[in-house]
C-alpha atoms as a PDB file:
ATOM      1  CA  UNK A   1      -6.527   0.678 -19.054  1.00  0.00           C
ATOM      2  CA  UNK A   2      -8.740  -1.596 -17.041  1.00  0.00           C
ATOM      3  CA  UNK A   3      -9.066  -5.139 -19.040  1.00  0.00           C
ATOM      4  CA  UNK A   4     -11.704  -7.609 -18.993  1.00  0.00           C
ATOM      5  CA  UNK A   5      -9.499 -10.456 -17.626  1.00  0.00           C
ATOM      6  CA  UNK A   6     -10.165 -13.945 -20.395  1.00  0.00           C
ATOM      7  CA  UNK A   7      -9.902 -17.615 -18.511  1.00  0.00           C
ATOM      8  CA  UNK A   8      -6.209 -18.151 -18.626  1.00  0.00           C
ATOM      9  CA  UNK A   9      -5.063 -14.436 -16.897  1.00  0.00           C
ATOM     10  CA  UNK A  10      -5.422 -16.396 -13.057  1.00  0.00           C
ATOM     11  CA  UNK A  11      -1.422 -17.250 -13.445  1.00  0.00           C
ATOM     12  CA  UNK A  12      -0.517 -13.950 -15.057  1.00  0.00           C
ATOM     13  CA  UNK A  13      -2.039 -12.166 -12.430  1.00  0.00           C
ATOM     14  CA  UNK A  14      -0.997 -14.106  -9.863  1.00  0.00           C
ATOM     15  CA  UNK A  15       2.556 -13.268 -11.310  1.00  0.00           C
ATOM     16  CA  UNK A  16       1.673  -9.889 -10.845  1.00  0.00           C
ATOM     17  CA  UNK A  17       0.981 -10.280  -7.389  1.00  0.00           C
ATOM     18  CA  UNK A  18       4.097 -12.189  -6.388  1.00  0.00           C
ATOM     19  CA  UNK A  19       6.547  -8.878  -8.216  1.00  0.00           C
ATOM     20  CA  UNK A  20       4.974  -6.122  -5.915  1.00  0.00           C
ATOM     21  CA  UNK A  21       6.578  -7.989  -2.864  1.00  0.00           C
ATOM     22  CA  UNK A  22      11.051  -7.876  -2.834  1.00  0.00           C
ATOM     23  CA  UNK A  23      11.930 -11.542  -3.718  1.00  0.00           C
ATOM     24  CA  UNK A  24      12.882 -11.910   0.687  1.00  0.00           C
ATOM     25  CA  UNK A  25       9.157 -11.809   0.492  1.00  0.00           C
ATOM     26  CA  UNK A  26       8.066 -14.049  -2.175  1.00  0.00           C
ATOM     27  CA  UNK A  27       8.003 -17.211  -0.475  1.00  0.00           C
ATOM     28  CA  UNK A  28       6.083 -15.314   2.695  1.00  0.00           C
ATOM     29  CA  UNK A  29       3.890 -13.603  -0.372  1.00  0.00           C
ATOM     30  CA  UNK A  30       3.376 -16.809  -2.345  1.00  0.00           C
ATOM     31  CA  UNK A  31       0.249 -18.447   0.161  1.00  0.00           C
ATOM     32  CA  UNK A  32      -1.417 -15.264  -0.056  1.00  0.00           C
ATOM     33  CA  UNK A  33      -0.819 -14.621  -3.626  1.00  0.00           C
ATOM     34  CA  UNK A  34      -2.449 -18.404  -4.689  1.00  0.00           C
ATOM     35  CA  UNK A  35      -5.423 -17.457  -2.499  1.00  0.00           C
ATOM     36  CA  UNK A  36      -6.453 -14.604  -4.558  1.00  0.00           C
ATOM     37  CA  UNK A  37      -9.550 -15.340  -6.486  1.00  0.00           C
ATOM     38  CA  UNK A  38      -9.950 -14.373 -10.237  1.00  0.00           C
ATOM     39  CA  UNK A  39     -11.554 -11.572 -11.450  1.00  0.00           C
ATOM     40  CA  UNK A  40     -13.565 -10.157 -14.433  1.00  0.00           C
ATOM     41  CA  UNK A  41     -10.810  -7.385 -13.989  1.00  0.00           C
ATOM     42  CA  UNK A  42      -7.424  -7.399 -14.886  1.00  0.00           C
ATOM     43  CA  UNK A  43      -5.033  -5.400 -11.893  1.00  0.00           C
ATOM     44  CA  UNK A  44      -5.370  -1.580 -13.419  1.00  0.00           C
ATOM     45  CA  UNK A  45      -2.180   0.561 -13.078  1.00  0.00           C
ATOM     46  CA  UNK A  46       0.826   1.295 -10.661  1.00  0.00           C
ATOM     47  CA  UNK A  47       1.281   2.996  -7.675  1.00  0.00           C
ATOM     48  CA  UNK A  48       4.058   5.086  -8.912  1.00  0.00           C
ATOM     49  CA  UNK A  49       2.464   6.523 -12.320  1.00  0.00           C
ATOM     50  CA  UNK A  50       0.706   9.720 -12.876  1.00  0.00           C
ATOM     51  CA  UNK A  51      -0.350  10.917 -15.472  1.00  0.00           C
ATOM     52  CA  UNK A  52       0.949  14.119 -15.524  1.00  0.00           C
ATOM     53  CA  UNK A  53       4.611  13.457 -15.109  1.00  0.00           C
ATOM     54  CA  UNK A  54       6.227  10.657 -15.362  1.00  0.00           C
ATOM     55  CA  UNK A  55       8.336   8.564 -11.896  1.00  0.00           C
ATOM     56  CA  UNK A  56      10.738   6.591 -11.596  1.00  0.00           C
ATOM     57  CA  UNK A  57       9.771   2.536  -9.848  1.00  0.00           C
ATOM     58  CA  UNK A  58       9.549   2.687  -6.275  1.00  0.00           C
ATOM     59  CA  UNK A  59      11.898  -0.155  -4.613  1.00  0.00           C
ATOM     60  CA  UNK A  60      12.637  -2.324  -1.604  1.00  0.00           C
ATOM     61  CA  UNK A  61      16.153  -2.472  -0.409  1.00  0.00           C
ATOM     62  CA  UNK A  62      17.405  -1.765  -4.048  1.00  0.00           C
ATOM     63  CA  UNK A  63      14.739  -3.772  -6.045  1.00  0.00           C
ATOM     64  CA  UNK A  64      11.609  -2.418  -8.679  1.00  0.00           C
ATOM     65  CA  UNK A  65       8.359  -3.417  -7.087  1.00  0.00           C
ATOM     66  CA  UNK A  66       5.521  -3.862  -9.257  1.00  0.00           C
ATOM     67  CA  UNK A  67       2.645  -2.724  -7.175  1.00  0.00           C
ATOM     68  CA  UNK A  68      -1.070  -2.094  -9.132  1.00  0.00           C
ATOM     69  CA  UNK A  69      -3.102   0.715  -8.088  1.00  0.00           C
ATOM     70  CA  UNK A  70      -6.218  -0.938  -8.024  1.00  0.00           C
ATOM     71  CA  UNK A  71      -7.529  -4.835  -7.965  1.00  0.00           C
ATOM     72  CA  UNK A  72     -10.899  -5.826  -8.695  1.00  0.00           C
ATOM     73  CA  UNK A  73     -10.214 -10.089  -6.510  1.00  0.00           C
ATOM     74  CA  UNK A  74     -12.869 -10.664  -4.358  1.00  0.00           C
ATOM     75  CA  UNK A  75     -11.749 -11.061  -0.453  1.00  0.00           C
ATOM     76  CA  UNK A  76     -11.641 -14.323   0.911  1.00  0.00           C
ATOM     77  CA  UNK A  77     -12.043 -13.084   3.786  1.00  0.00           C
ATOM     78  CA  UNK A  78     -11.941 -16.609   5.819  1.00  0.00           C
ATOM     79  CA  UNK A  79      -9.122 -18.097   3.646  1.00  0.00           C
ATOM     80  CA  UNK A  80      -6.964 -15.484   4.471  1.00  0.00           C
ATOM     81  CA  UNK A  81      -7.038 -16.484   8.418  1.00  0.00           C
ATOM     82  CA  UNK A  82      -5.750 -19.744   7.895  1.00  0.00           C
ATOM     83  CA  UNK A  83      -2.659 -18.213   6.257  1.00  0.00           C
ATOM     84  CA  UNK A  84       0.589 -18.188   8.785  1.00  0.00           C
ATOM     85  CA  UNK A  85       0.965 -14.706   9.980  1.00  0.00           C
ATOM     86  CA  UNK A  86       3.853 -13.147   7.372  1.00  0.00           C
ATOM     87  CA  UNK A  87       1.421 -14.917   4.300  1.00  0.00           C
ATOM     88  CA  UNK A  88      -1.299 -12.674   6.087  1.00  0.00           C
ATOM     89  CA  UNK A  89       0.575  -9.750   6.125  1.00  0.00           C
ATOM     90  CA  UNK A  90       0.721 -10.319   2.654  1.00  0.00           C
ATOM     91  CA  UNK A  91      -2.825 -10.564   1.823  1.00  0.00           C
ATOM     92  CA  UNK A  92      -3.400  -7.615   3.480  1.00  0.00           C
ATOM     93  CA  UNK A  93      -0.210  -5.818   1.521  1.00  0.00           C
ATOM     94  CA  UNK A  94      -1.964  -6.882  -1.962  1.00  0.00           C
ATOM     95  CA  UNK A  95      -5.694  -5.982  -0.400  1.00  0.00           C
ATOM     96  CA  UNK A  96      -4.539  -2.472   0.054  1.00  0.00           C
ATOM     97  CA  UNK A  97      -5.212  -2.354  -3.685  1.00  0.00           C
ATOM     98  CA  UNK A  98      -8.886  -3.358  -3.699  1.00  0.00           C
ATOM     99  CA  UNK A  99     -11.093  -1.003  -5.268  1.00  0.00           C
ATOM    100  CA  UNK A 100     -13.401  -0.891  -2.035  1.00  0.00           C
ATOM    101  CA  UNK A 101     -11.919   2.010   1.071  1.00  0.00           C
ATOM    102  CA  UNK A 102     -13.558  -0.884   3.718  1.00  0.00           C
ATOM    103  CA  UNK A 103     -12.058  -3.675   2.057  1.00  0.00           C
ATOM    104  CA  UNK A 104      -7.906  -1.800   2.156  1.00  0.00           C
ATOM    105  CA  UNK A 105      -9.216  -0.520   5.278  1.00  0.00           C
ATOM    106  CA  UNK A 106     -10.012  -3.922   7.063  1.00  0.00           C
ATOM    107  CA  UNK A 107      -6.611  -5.067   4.688  1.00  0.00           C
ATOM    108  CA  UNK A 108      -3.710  -2.126   6.264  1.00  0.00           C
ATOM    109  CA  UNK A 109      -5.208  -3.610   9.534  1.00  0.00           C
ATOM    110  CA  UNK A 110      -3.673  -7.811   8.621  1.00  0.00           C
ATOM    111  CA  UNK A 111      -0.932  -6.016   6.491  1.00  0.00           C
ATOM    112  CA  UNK A 112       0.083  -4.140  10.427  1.00  0.00           C
ATOM    113  CA  UNK A 113      -0.522  -7.240  11.956  1.00  0.00           C
ATOM    114  CA  UNK A 114       2.796  -9.331  11.643  1.00  0.00           C
ATOM    115  CA  UNK A 115       5.467  -7.012  12.097  1.00  0.00           C
ATOM    116  CA  UNK A 116       7.439  -7.004   8.305  1.00  0.00           C
ATOM    117  CA  UNK A 117       9.314  -4.545   6.581  1.00  0.00           C
ATOM    118  CA  UNK A 118       8.097  -4.956   2.889  1.00  0.00           C
ATOM    119  CA  UNK A 119       4.902  -3.357   4.268  1.00  0.00           C
ATOM    120  CA  UNK A 120       6.166   0.112   3.569  1.00  0.00           C
ATOM    121  CA  UNK A 121       5.515   0.644  -0.393  1.00  0.00           C
ATOM    122  CA  UNK A 122       1.744  -0.536   0.386  1.00  0.00           C
ATOM    123  CA  UNK A 123       1.199   1.356   4.018  1.00  0.00           C
ATOM    124  CA  UNK A 124       3.011   4.512   2.229  1.00  0.00           C
ATOM    125  CA  UNK A 125       0.840   4.930  -0.693  1.00  0.00           C
ATOM    126  CA  UNK A 126      -2.035   4.331   1.072  1.00  0.00           C
ATOM    127  CA  UNK A 127      -1.356   7.818   2.452  1.00  0.00           C
ATOM    128  CA  UNK A 128      -1.679   9.106  -1.403  1.00  0.00           C
ATOM    129  CA  UNK A 129      -5.159   7.930  -1.177  1.00  0.00           C
ATOM    130  CA  UNK A 130      -8.897   9.835  -0.773  1.00  0.00           C
ATOM    131  CA  UNK A 131      -9.748   7.766   2.598  1.00  0.00           C
ATOM    132  CA  UNK A 132      -9.350  10.100   5.995  1.00  0.00           C
ATOM    133  CA  UNK A 133      -9.969   7.029   8.072  1.00  0.00           C
ATOM    134  CA  UNK A 134      -6.767   4.796   6.329  1.00  0.00           C
ATOM    135  CA  UNK A 135      -4.569   7.892   7.037  1.00  0.00           C
ATOM    136  CA  UNK A 136      -6.068   8.570  10.784  1.00  0.00           C
ATOM    137  CA  UNK A 137      -5.274   4.654  10.965  1.00  0.00           C
ATOM    138  CA  UNK A 138      -1.797   5.007   9.630  1.00  0.00           C
ATOM    139  CA  UNK A 139      -0.363   7.852  11.420  1.00  0.00           C
ATOM    140  CA  UNK A 140      -1.975   6.149  15.168  1.00  0.00           C
ATOM    141  CA  UNK A 141       0.744   3.198  13.833  1.00  0.00           C
ATOM    142  CA  UNK A 142       3.636   5.532  12.935  1.00  0.00           C
ATOM    143  CA  UNK A 143       2.799   6.393  17.176  1.00  0.00           C
ATOM    144  CA  UNK A 144       3.457   3.643  18.172  1.00  0.00           C
ATOM    145  CA  UNK A 145       5.560   0.926  15.327  1.00  0.00           C
ATOM    146  CA  UNK A 146       9.206   1.804  16.357  1.00  0.00           C
ATOM    147  CA  UNK A 147       8.258   0.057  20.409  1.00  0.00           C
ATOM    148  CA  UNK A 148       5.963  -2.361  18.599  1.00  0.00           C
ATOM    149  CA  UNK A 149       6.225  -2.948  15.324  1.00  0.00           C
ATOM    150  CA  UNK A 150      10.077  -2.695  14.817  1.00  0.00           C
ATOM    151  CA  UNK A 151      10.742  -4.045  11.481  1.00  0.00           C
ATOM    152  CA  UNK A 152       7.988  -2.277  10.267  1.00  0.00           C
ATOM    153  CA  UNK A 153       9.369   1.027  11.546  1.00  0.00           C
ATOM    154  CA  UNK A 154      12.642   0.064   9.810  1.00  0.00           C
ATOM    155  CA  UNK A 155      11.149  -0.286   6.655  1.00  0.00           C
ATOM    156  CA  UNK A 156       9.002   2.388   6.799  1.00  0.00           C
ATOM    157  CA  UNK A 157      12.349   5.059   7.073  1.00  0.00           C
ATOM    158  CA  UNK A 158      14.531   2.886   5.132  1.00  0.00           C
ATOM    159  CA  UNK A 159      11.229   3.327   2.180  1.00  0.00           C
ATOM    160  CA  UNK A 160      11.232   6.292   2.436  1.00  0.00           C
ATOM    161  CA  UNK A 161      14.532   7.056   1.860  1.00  0.00           C
ATOM    162  CA  UNK A 162      15.232   5.675  -0.941  1.00  0.00           C
ATOM    163  CA  UNK A 163      11.893   6.554  -2.976  1.00  0.00           C
ATOM    164  CA  UNK A 164      12.146  10.317  -2.413  1.00  0.00           C
ATOM    165  CA  UNK A 165      10.239  10.622  -5.603  1.00  0.00           C
ATOM    166  CA  UNK A 166       7.612   8.733  -5.003  1.00  0.00           C
ATOM    167  CA  UNK A 167       7.402  10.263  -1.552  1.00  0.00           C
ATOM    168  CA  UNK A 168       7.105  13.283  -3.702  1.00  0.00           C
ATOM    169  CA  UNK A 169       4.387  11.811  -4.884  1.00  0.00           C
ATOM    170  CA  UNK A 170       2.658  10.906  -2.504  1.00  0.00           C
ATOM    171  CA  UNK A 171       2.441  14.505  -1.247  1.00  0.00           C
ATOM    172  CA  UNK A 172       1.545  15.785  -3.938  1.00  0.00           C
ATOM    173  CA  UNK A 173      -1.515  13.271  -3.992  1.00  0.00           C
ATOM    174  CA  UNK A 174      -2.527  13.761   0.073  1.00  0.00           C
ATOM    175  CA  UNK A 175      -2.427  17.839  -0.804  1.00  0.00           C
ATOM    176  CA  UNK A 176      -4.945  17.678  -3.708  1.00  0.00           C
ATOM    177  CA  UNK A 177      -7.126  15.363  -1.191  1.00  0.00           C
ATOM    178  CA  UNK A 178      -6.813  17.867   1.137  1.00  0.00           C
ATOM    179  CA  UNK A 179      -7.520  20.642  -1.268  1.00  0.00           C
ATOM    180  CA  UNK A 180     -10.379  18.460  -2.674  1.00  0.00           C
ATOM    181  CA  UNK A 181     -12.110  16.917  -0.341  1.00  0.00           C
ATOM    182  CA  UNK A 182     -10.829  17.718   3.376  1.00  0.00           C
ATOM    183  CA  UNK A 183     -10.100  21.845   3.650  1.00  0.00           C
ATOM    184  CA  UNK A 184     -13.827  22.130   6.150  1.00  0.00           C
ATOM    185  CA  UNK A 185     -12.246  19.757   8.344  1.00  0.00           C
ATOM    186  CA  UNK A 186      -8.091  20.446   8.529  1.00  0.00           C
ATOM    187  CA  UNK A 187      -7.645  23.784   8.821  1.00  0.00           C
ATOM    188  CA  UNK A 188      -4.010  23.911   6.424  1.00  0.00           C
ATOM    189  CA  UNK A 189      -2.705  20.910   4.002  1.00  0.00           C
ATOM    190  CA  UNK A 190       0.004  20.261   6.959  1.00  0.00           C
ATOM    191  CA  UNK A 191      -3.099  19.224   9.525  1.00  0.00           C
ATOM    192  CA  UNK A 192      -4.943  17.108   7.828  1.00  0.00           C
ATOM    193  CA  UNK A 193      -3.320  13.364   9.256  1.00  0.00           C
ATOM    194  CA  UNK A 194      -2.209  12.122   6.123  1.00  0.00           C
ATOM    195  CA  UNK A 195       0.263  15.233   5.053  1.00  0.00           C
ATOM    196  CA  UNK A 196       1.403  15.032   9.381  1.00  0.00           C
ATOM    197  CA  UNK A 197       2.253  11.052   8.379  1.00  0.00           C
ATOM    198  CA  UNK A 198       4.475  11.678   5.568  1.00  0.00           C
ATOM    199  CA  UNK A 199       6.108  14.332   7.716  1.00  0.00           C
ATOM    200  CA  UNK A 200       6.453  11.887   9.742  1.00  0.00           C
ATOM    201  CA  UNK A 201       8.197   9.971   7.987  1.00  0.00           C
ATOM    202  CA  UNK A 202       9.727  12.018   6.759  1.00  0.00           C
ATOM    203  CA  UNK A 203      11.430  13.548   9.724  1.00  0.00           C
ATOM    204  CA  UNK A 204      10.229  16.513   9.820  1.00  0.00           C
ATOM    205  CA  UNK A 205       7.671  19.320   8.181  1.00  0.00           C
ATOM    206  CA  UNK A 206       8.826  20.244   5.136  1.00  0.00           C
END
């Protein structure tokens, strides 16, 4: 449920955003979280939640993560450029949850600008959303990542293996968006970029 954030909400919101990262990444994520400006609305939902079923929380290296489904904070582009590379990636991860699709696409590029494995849940979540251009960006990234971003590639592989329920939820979401919006562009669900990317992550067609 969406609620307006009160004057004391900034610290709780930042604490919530920090819990989107595994403990090993929080020293890199903290400077990015500190840059997030306050917003009129608090973060909404979590990426593993669904109206139709109960789904286990997502994990990375055995730790449960609390990744918001949507945030409404302005994107501090200039400030993010001052961060260290790993913290810029963390900022990108945070803003892949932004309510605006163009911001999410820009944030994906930031998230993948440094070779870190903990970007994986943020990347996978985007495959279950409706912006096909972002799905194409991820599919292209997966083609090159084993050689250009080995840590990210390994993180994505391990995340997919450790979170089969979330992968199933993401496939369901991707198939629904294909059926609703992209049937005219892609002859079958298997041709849809998000499904192709998920199949690649999971080792082949399902």
